């Protein structure tokens, strides 16, 4: 297994973790909305989910970049 294979598989794993975190964010917000929380409680819940959401998007983006770089630079 070459270095580029490691980059590709690590990027794929990072992308998968980011997607799992995005699904968690969607599930958490949907569950909070279905509970009928008041506006302030929903804002507090969304504040925490927003940080995870941004981290998940960043992880997915970096993972996809790693996959593309590994494919392009592989001999």
PDB file of N, CA and C in Angstrom:
ATOM      1  N   UNK A   1       0.845  -1.169   0.000  1.00  0.00           N
ATOM      2  CA  UNK A   1       0.000   0.000   0.000  1.00  0.00           C
ATOM      3  C   UNK A   1       0.897   1.242   0.000  1.00  0.00           C
ATOM      4  N   UNK A   2       0.654   2.112  -0.944  1.00  0.00           N
ATOM      5  CA  UNK A   2       1.502   3.295  -1.084  1.00  0.00           C
ATOM      6  C   UNK A   2       0.993   4.428  -0.208  1.00  0.00           C
ATOM      7  N   UNK A   3       1.766   5.491  -0.164  1.00  0.00           N
ATOM      8  CA  UNK A   3       1.380   6.673   0.591  1.00  0.00           C
ATOM      9  C   UNK A   3       0.073   7.250   0.056  1.00  0.00           C
ATOM     10  N   UNK A   4      -0.091   7.238  -1.250  1.00  0.00           N
ATOM     11  CA  UNK A   4      -1.293   7.801  -1.852  1.00  0.00           C
ATOM     12  C   UNK A   4      -2.536   6.976  -1.507  1.00  0.00           C
ATOM     13  N   UNK A   5      -2.365   5.662  -1.396  1.00  0.00           N
ATOM     14  CA  UNK A   5      -3.475   4.823  -0.948  1.00  0.00           C
ATOM     15  C   UNK A   5      -3.891   5.193   0.474  1.00  0.00           C
ATOM     16  N   UNK A   6      -2.900   5.443   1.326  1.00  0.00           N
ATOM     17  CA  UNK A   6      -3.203   5.864   2.690  1.00  0.00           C
ATOM     18  C   UNK A   6      -3.939   7.198   2.703  1.00  0.00           C
ATOM     19  N   UNK A   7      -3.510   8.119   1.861  1.00  0.00           N
ATOM     20  CA  UNK A   7      -4.174   9.426   1.795  1.00  0.00           C
ATOM     21  C   UNK A   7      -5.619   9.258   1.337  1.00  0.00           C
ATOM     22  N   UNK A   8      -5.830   8.430   0.328  1.00  0.00           N
ATOM     23  CA  UNK A   8      -7.187   8.214  -0.193  1.00  0.00           C
ATOM     24  C   UNK A   8      -8.080   7.582   0.872  1.00  0.00           C
ATOM     25  N   UNK A   9      -7.619   6.523   1.526  1.00  0.00           N
ATOM     26  CA  UNK A   9      -8.455   5.829   2.509  1.00  0.00           C
ATOM     27  C   UNK A   9      -8.668   6.654   3.771  1.00  0.00           C
ATOM     28  N   UNK A  10      -7.657   7.421   4.172  1.00  0.00           N
ATOM     29  CA  UNK A  10      -7.832   8.312   5.320  1.00  0.00           C
ATOM     30  C   UNK A  10      -8.835   9.407   4.996  1.00  0.00           C
ATOM     31  N   UNK A  11      -8.749   9.951   3.792  1.00  0.00           N
ATOM     32  CA  UNK A  11      -9.717  10.960   3.367  1.00  0.00           C
ATOM     33  C   UNK A  11     -11.124  10.405   3.282  1.00  0.00           C
ATOM     34  N   UNK A  12     -11.259   9.179   2.803  1.00  0.00           N
ATOM     35  CA  UNK A  12     -12.583   8.556   2.732  1.00  0.00           C
ATOM     36  C   UNK A  12     -13.157   8.338   4.139  1.00  0.00           C
ATOM     37  N   UNK A  13     -12.316   7.916   5.076  1.00  0.00           N
ATOM     38  CA  UNK A  13     -12.775   7.714   6.451  1.00  0.00           C
ATOM     39  C   UNK A  13     -13.168   9.045   7.091  1.00  0.00           C
ATOM     40  N   UNK A  14     -12.388  10.091   6.841  1.00  0.00           N
ATOM     41  CA  UNK A  14     -12.705  11.409   7.380  1.00  0.00           C
ATOM     42  C   UNK A  14     -14.011  11.938   6.797  1.00  0.00           C
ATOM     43  N   UNK A  15     -14.226  11.709   5.518  1.00  0.00           N
ATOM     44  CA  UNK A  15     -15.473  12.119   4.880  1.00  0.00           C
ATOM     45  C   UNK A  15     -16.652  11.358   5.477  1.00  0.00           C
ATOM     46  N   UNK A  16     -16.491  10.079   5.703  1.00  0.00           N
ATOM     47  CA  UNK A  16     -17.559   9.276   6.298  1.00  0.00           C
ATOM     48  C   UNK A  16     -17.886   9.742   7.709  1.00  0.00           C
ATOM     49  N   UNK A  17     -16.867  10.061   8.500  1.00  0.00           N
ATOM     50  CA  UNK A  17     -17.117  10.579   9.845  1.00  0.00           C
ATOM     51  C   UNK A  17     -17.866  11.905   9.789  1.00  0.00           C
ATOM     52  N   UNK A  18     -17.495  12.760   8.832  1.00  0.00           N
ATOM     53  CA  UNK A  18     -18.200  14.029   8.676  1.00  0.00           C
ATOM     54  C   UNK A  18     -19.654  13.832   8.295  1.00  0.00           C
ATOM     55  N   UNK A  19     -19.917  12.873   7.421  1.00  0.00           N
ATOM     56  CA  UNK A  19     -21.300  12.594   7.029  1.00  0.00           C
ATOM     57  C   UNK A  19     -22.117  12.028   8.183  1.00  0.00           C
ATOM     58  N   UNK A  20     -21.499  11.190   8.988  1.00  0.00           N
ATOM     59  CA  UNK A  20     -22.186  10.652  10.162  1.00  0.00           C
ATOM     60  C   UNK A  20     -22.532  11.791  11.126  1.00  0.00           C
ATOM     61  N   UNK A  21     -21.603  12.726  11.307  1.00  0.00           N
ATOM     62  CA  UNK A  21     -21.869  13.865  12.181  1.00  0.00           C
ATOM     63  C   UNK A  21     -22.976  14.752  11.610  1.00  0.00           C
ATOM     64  N   UNK A  22     -23.030  14.903  10.296  1.00  0.00           N
ATOM     65  CA  UNK A  22     -24.106  15.683   9.680  1.00  0.00           C
ATOM     66  C   UNK A  22     -25.462  15.031   9.897  1.00  0.00           C
ATOM     67  N   UNK A  23     -25.515  13.717   9.772  1.00  0.00           N
ATOM     68  CA  UNK A  23     -26.770  12.999  10.024  1.00  0.00           C
ATOM     69  C   UNK A  23     -27.175  13.164  11.483  1.00  0.00           C
ATOM     70  N   UNK A  24     -26.204  13.128  12.398  1.00  0.00           N
ATOM     71  CA  UNK A  24     -26.503  13.353  13.805  1.00  0.00           C
ATOM     72  C   UNK A  24     -27.087  14.744  14.019  1.00  0.00           C
ATOM     73  N   UNK A  25     -26.525  15.750  13.350  1.00  0.00           N
ATOM     74  CA  UNK A  25     -27.038  17.116  13.471  1.00  0.00           C
ATOM     75  C   UNK A  25     -28.484  17.199  12.992  1.00  0.00           C
ATOM     76  N   UNK A  26     -28.763  16.614  11.855  1.00  0.00           N
ATOM     77  CA  UNK A  26     -30.127  16.630  11.315  1.00  0.00           C
ATOM     78  C   UNK A  26     -31.078  15.921  12.271  1.00  0.00           C
ATOM     79  N   UNK A  27     -30.679  14.778  12.782  1.00  0.00           N
ATOM     80  CA  UNK A  27     -31.511  14.004  13.689  1.00  0.00           C
ATOM     81  C   UNK A  27     -31.777  14.770  14.988  1.00  0.00           C
ATOM     82  N   UNK A  28     -30.742  15.433  15.525  1.00  0.00           N
ATOM     83  CA  UNK A  28     -30.889  16.177  16.772  1.00  0.00           C
ATOM     84  C   UNK A  28     -31.835  17.359  16.609  1.00  0.00           C
ATOM     85  N   UNK A  29     -31.700  18.101  15.527  1.00  0.00           N
ATOM     86  CA  UNK A  29     -32.570  19.257  15.298  1.00  0.00           C
ATOM     87  C   UNK A  29     -34.010  18.808  15.036  1.00  0.00           C
ATOM     88  N   UNK A  30     -34.191  17.758  14.268  1.00  0.00           N
ATOM     89  CA  UNK A  30     -35.542  17.259  14.001  1.00  0.00           C
ATOM     90  C   UNK A  30     -36.211  16.787  15.287  1.00  0.00           C
ATOM     91  N   UNK A  31     -35.446  16.135  16.144  1.00  0.00           N
ATOM     92  CA  UNK A  31     -35.990  15.672  17.415  1.00  0.00           C
ATOM     93  C   UNK A  31     -36.346  16.850  18.328  1.00  0.00           C
ATOM     94  N   UNK A  32     -35.510  17.892  18.317  1.00  0.00           N
ATOM     95  CA  UNK A  32     -35.796  19.069  19.139  1.00  0.00           C
ATOM     96  C   UNK A  32     -37.041  19.796  18.633  1.00  0.00           C
ATOM     97  N   UNK A  33     -37.203  19.866  17.328  1.00  0.00           N
ATOM     98  CA  UNK A  33     -38.387  20.536  16.783  1.00  0.00           C
ATOM     99  C   UNK A  33     -39.653  19.736  17.047  1.00  0.00           C
ATOM    100  N   UNK A  34     -39.553  18.427  17.008  1.00  0.00           N
ATOM    101  CA  UNK A  34     -40.739  17.604  17.230  1.00  0.00           C
ATOM    102  C   UNK A  34     -41.189  17.623  18.692  1.00  0.00           C
ATOM    103  N   UNK A  35     -40.272  17.948  19.613  1.00  0.00           N
ATOM    104  CA  UNK A  35     -40.634  18.042  21.021  1.00  0.00           C
ATOM    105  C   UNK A  35     -41.451  19.296  21.312  1.00  0.00           C
ATOM    106  N   UNK A  36     -41.486  20.239  20.377  1.00  0.00           N
ATOM    107  CA  UNK A  36     -42.254  21.456  20.578  1.00  0.00           C
ATOM    108  C   UNK A  36     -41.616  22.397  21.586  1.00  0.00           C
ATOM    109  N   UNK A  37     -40.300  22.491  21.542  1.00  0.00           N
ATOM    110  CA  UNK A  37     -39.592  23.368  22.478  1.00  0.00           C
ATOM    111  C   UNK A  37     -39.913  24.829  22.166  1.00  0.00           C
ATOM    112  N   UNK A  38     -39.829  25.662  23.199  1.00  0.00           N
ATOM    113  CA  UNK A  38     -40.035  27.084  22.946  1.00  0.00           C
ATOM    114  C   UNK A  38     -38.832  27.655  22.199  1.00  0.00           C
ATOM    115  N   UNK A  39     -38.978  28.877  21.735  1.00  0.00           N
ATOM    116  CA  UNK A  39     -37.984  29.472  20.841  1.00  0.00           C
ATOM    117  C   UNK A  39     -36.607  29.579  21.498  1.00  0.00           C
ATOM    118  N   UNK A  40     -36.555  29.984  22.744  1.00  0.00           N
ATOM    119  CA  UNK A  40     -35.264  30.180  23.416  1.00  0.00           C
ATOM    120  C   UNK A  40     -34.553  28.848  23.654  1.00  0.00           C
ATOM    121  N   UNK A  41     -35.277  27.835  24.061  1.00  0.00           N
ATOM    122  CA  UNK A  41     -34.675  26.514  24.275  1.00  0.00           C
ATOM    123  C   UNK A  41     -34.174  25.924  22.957  1.00  0.00           C
ATOM    124  N   UNK A  42     -34.940  26.164  21.896  1.00  0.00           N
ATOM    125  CA  UNK A  42     -34.518  25.670  20.584  1.00  0.00           C
ATOM    126  C   UNK A  42     -33.255  26.380  20.114  1.00  0.00           C
ATOM    127  N   UNK A  43     -33.159  27.677  20.395  1.00  0.00           N
ATOM    128  CA  UNK A  43     -31.942  28.422  20.032  1.00  0.00           C
ATOM    129  C   UNK A  43     -30.718  27.894  20.786  1.00  0.00           C
ATOM    130  N   UNK A  44     -30.888  27.585  22.041  1.00  0.00           N
ATOM    131  CA  UNK A  44     -29.775  27.052  22.834  1.00  0.00           C
ATOM    132  C   UNK A  44     -29.341  25.702  22.277  1.00  0.00           C
ATOM    133  N   UNK A  45     -30.295  24.855  21.932  1.00  0.00           N
ATOM    134  CA  UNK A  45     -29.971  23.550  21.356  1.00  0.00           C
ATOM    135  C   UNK A  45     -29.274  23.710  20.009  1.00  0.00           C
ATOM    136  N   UNK A  46     -29.777  24.648  19.200  1.00  0.00           N
ATOM    137  CA  UNK A  46     -29.207  24.870  17.865  1.00  0.00           C
ATOM    138  C   UNK A  46     -27.786  25.418  17.946  1.00  0.00           C
ATOM    139  N   UNK A  47     -27.483  26.184  18.990  1.00  0.00           N
ATOM    140  CA  UNK A  47     -26.143  26.750  19.132  1.00  0.00           C
ATOM    141  C   UNK A  47     -25.097  25.645  19.262  1.00  0.00           C
ATOM    142  N   UNK A  48     -25.415  24.626  20.030  1.00  0.00           N
ATOM    143  CA  UNK A  48     -24.486  23.505  20.178  1.00  0.00           C
ATOM    144  C   UNK A  48     -24.391  22.663  18.919  1.00  0.00           C
ATOM    145  N   UNK A  49     -25.515  22.474  18.257  1.00  0.00           N
ATOM    146  CA  UNK A  49     -25.523  21.671  17.040  1.00  0.00           C
ATOM    147  C   UNK A  49     -24.802  22.390  15.911  1.00  0.00           C
ATOM    148  N   UNK A  50     -24.875  23.720  15.904  1.00  0.00           N
ATOM    149  CA  UNK A  50     -24.222  24.492  14.850  1.00  0.00           C
ATOM    150  C   UNK A  50     -22.713  24.281  14.853  1.00  0.00           C
ATOM    151  N   UNK A  51     -22.111  24.223  16.025  1.00  0.00           N
ATOM    152  CA  UNK A  51     -20.664  23.999  16.110  1.00  0.00           C
ATOM    153  C   UNK A  51     -20.293  22.620  15.553  1.00  0.00           C
ATOM    154  N   UNK A  52     -21.077  21.611  15.907  1.00  0.00           N
ATOM    155  CA  UNK A  52     -20.819  20.266  15.389  1.00  0.00           C
ATOM    156  C   UNK A  52     -21.035  20.231  13.878  1.00  0.00           C
ATOM    157  N   UNK A  53     -22.068  20.939  13.413  1.00  0.00           N
ATOM    158  CA  UNK A  53     -22.377  20.972  11.985  1.00  0.00           C
ATOM    159  C   UNK A  53     -21.224  21.591  11.193  1.00  0.00           C
ATOM    160  N   UNK A  54     -20.685  22.683  11.673  1.00  0.00           N
ATOM    161  CA  UNK A  54     -19.573  23.331  10.965  1.00  0.00           C
ATOM    162  C   UNK A  54     -18.324  22.439  10.978  1.00  0.00           C
ATOM    163  N   UNK A  55     -18.070  21.782  12.094  1.00  0.00           N
ATOM    164  CA  UNK A  55     -16.940  20.854  12.158  1.00  0.00           C
ATOM    165  C   UNK A  55     -17.125  19.671  11.230  1.00  0.00           C
ATOM    166  N   UNK A  56     -18.351  19.175  11.124  1.00  0.00           N
ATOM    167  CA  UNK A  56     -18.641  18.039  10.243  1.00  0.00           C
ATOM    168  C   UNK A  56     -18.465  18.438   8.783  1.00  0.00           C
ATOM    169  N   UNK A  57     -18.923  19.627   8.434  1.00  0.00           N
ATOM    170  CA  UNK A  57     -18.735  20.094   7.061  1.00  0.00           C
ATOM    171  C   UNK A  57     -17.250  20.269   6.740  1.00  0.00           C
ATOM    172  N   UNK A  58     -16.503  20.809   7.681  1.00  0.00           N
ATOM    173  CA  UNK A  58     -15.060  20.982   7.473  1.00  0.00           C
ATOM    174  C   UNK A  58     -14.368  19.626   7.326  1.00  0.00           C
ATOM    175  N   UNK A  59     -14.726  18.667   8.168  1.00  0.00           N
ATOM    176  CA  UNK A  59     -14.114  17.340   8.087  1.00  0.00           C
ATOM    177  C   UNK A  59     -14.438  16.667   6.758  1.00  0.00           C
ATOM    178  N   UNK A  60     -15.681  16.776   6.314  1.00  0.00           N
ATOM    179  CA  UNK A  60     -16.064  16.182   5.029  1.00  0.00           C
ATOM    180  C   UNK A  60     -15.315  16.839   3.879  1.00  0.00           C
ATOM    181  N   UNK A  61     -15.189  18.141   3.939  1.00  0.00           N
ATOM    182  CA  UNK A  61     -14.491  18.879   2.883  1.00  0.00           C
ATOM    183  C   UNK A  61     -13.012  18.490   2.834  1.00  0.00           C
ATOM    184  N   UNK A  62     -12.376  18.457   3.990  1.00  0.00           N
ATOM    185  CA  UNK A  62     -10.955  18.084   4.029  1.00  0.00           C
ATOM    186  C   UNK A  62     -10.767  16.641   3.568  1.00  0.00           C
ATOM    187  N   UNK A  63     -11.668  15.766   3.984  1.00  0.00           N
ATOM    188  CA  UNK A  63     -11.586  14.368   3.554  1.00  0.00           C
ATOM    189  C   UNK A  63     -11.729  14.219   2.051  1.00  0.00           C
ATOM    190  N   UNK A  64     -12.674  14.940   1.463  1.00  0.00           N
ATOM    191  CA  UNK A  64     -12.833  14.880   0.008  1.00  0.00           C
ATOM    192  C   UNK A  64     -11.616  15.451  -0.713  1.00  0.00           C
ATOM    193  N   UNK A  65     -11.031  16.509  -0.151  1.00  0.00           N
ATOM    194  CA  UNK A  65      -9.808  17.054  -0.752  1.00  0.00           C
ATOM    195  C   UNK A  65      -8.676  16.042  -0.692  1.00  0.00           C
ATOM    196  N   UNK A  66      -8.584  15.309   0.412  1.00  0.00           N
ATOM    197  CA  UNK A  66      -7.543  14.287   0.522  1.00  0.00           C
ATOM    198  C   UNK A  66      -7.739  13.191  -0.516  1.00  0.00           C
ATOM    199  N   UNK A  67      -8.981  12.780  -0.727  1.00  0.00           N
ATOM    200  CA  UNK A  67      -9.261  11.752  -1.729  1.00  0.00           C
ATOM    201  C   UNK A  67      -8.865  12.238  -3.120  1.00  0.00           C
ATOM    202  N   UNK A  68      -9.252  13.446  -3.458  1.00  0.00           N
ATOM    203  CA  UNK A  68      -8.933  13.987  -4.786  1.00  0.00           C
ATOM    204  C   UNK A  68      -7.426  14.142  -4.957  1.00  0.00           C
ATOM    205  N   UNK A  69      -6.750  14.655  -3.950  1.00  0.00           N
ATOM    206  CA  UNK A  69      -5.282  14.818  -4.030  1.00  0.00           C
ATOM    207  C   UNK A  69      -4.610  13.462  -4.180  1.00  0.00           C
ATOM    208  N   UNK A  70      -5.077  12.467  -3.413  1.00  0.00           N
ATOM    209  CA  UNK A  70      -4.496  11.130  -3.518  1.00  0.00           C
ATOM    210  C   UNK A  70      -4.689  10.521  -4.883  1.00  0.00           C
ATOM    211  N   UNK A  71      -5.859  10.745  -5.480  1.00  0.00           N
ATOM    212  CA  UNK A  71      -6.121  10.187  -6.819  1.00  0.00           C
ATOM    213  C   UNK A  71      -5.299  10.922  -7.890  1.00  0.00           C
ATOM    214  N   UNK A  72      -5.256  12.241  -7.792  1.00  0.00           N
ATOM    215  CA  UNK A  72      -4.552  13.031  -8.805  1.00  0.00           C
ATOM    216  C   UNK A  72      -3.049  12.807  -8.757  1.00  0.00           C
ATOM    217  N   UNK A  73      -2.489  12.727  -7.573  1.00  0.00           N
ATOM    218  CA  UNK A  73      -1.029  12.609  -7.444  1.00  0.00           C
ATOM    219  C   UNK A  73      -0.510  11.175  -7.489  1.00  0.00           C
ATOM    220  N   UNK A  74      -1.391  10.201  -7.441  1.00  0.00           N
ATOM    221  CA  UNK A  74      -0.942   8.801  -7.466  1.00  0.00           C
ATOM    222  C   UNK A  74      -0.299   8.489  -8.820  1.00  0.00           C
ATOM    223  N   UNK A  75       0.785   7.732  -8.767  1.00  0.00           N
ATOM    224  CA  UNK A  75       1.465   7.404 -10.043  1.00  0.00           C
ATOM    225  C   UNK A  75       0.663   6.448 -10.906  1.00  0.00           C
TER     226      UNK A  75
END
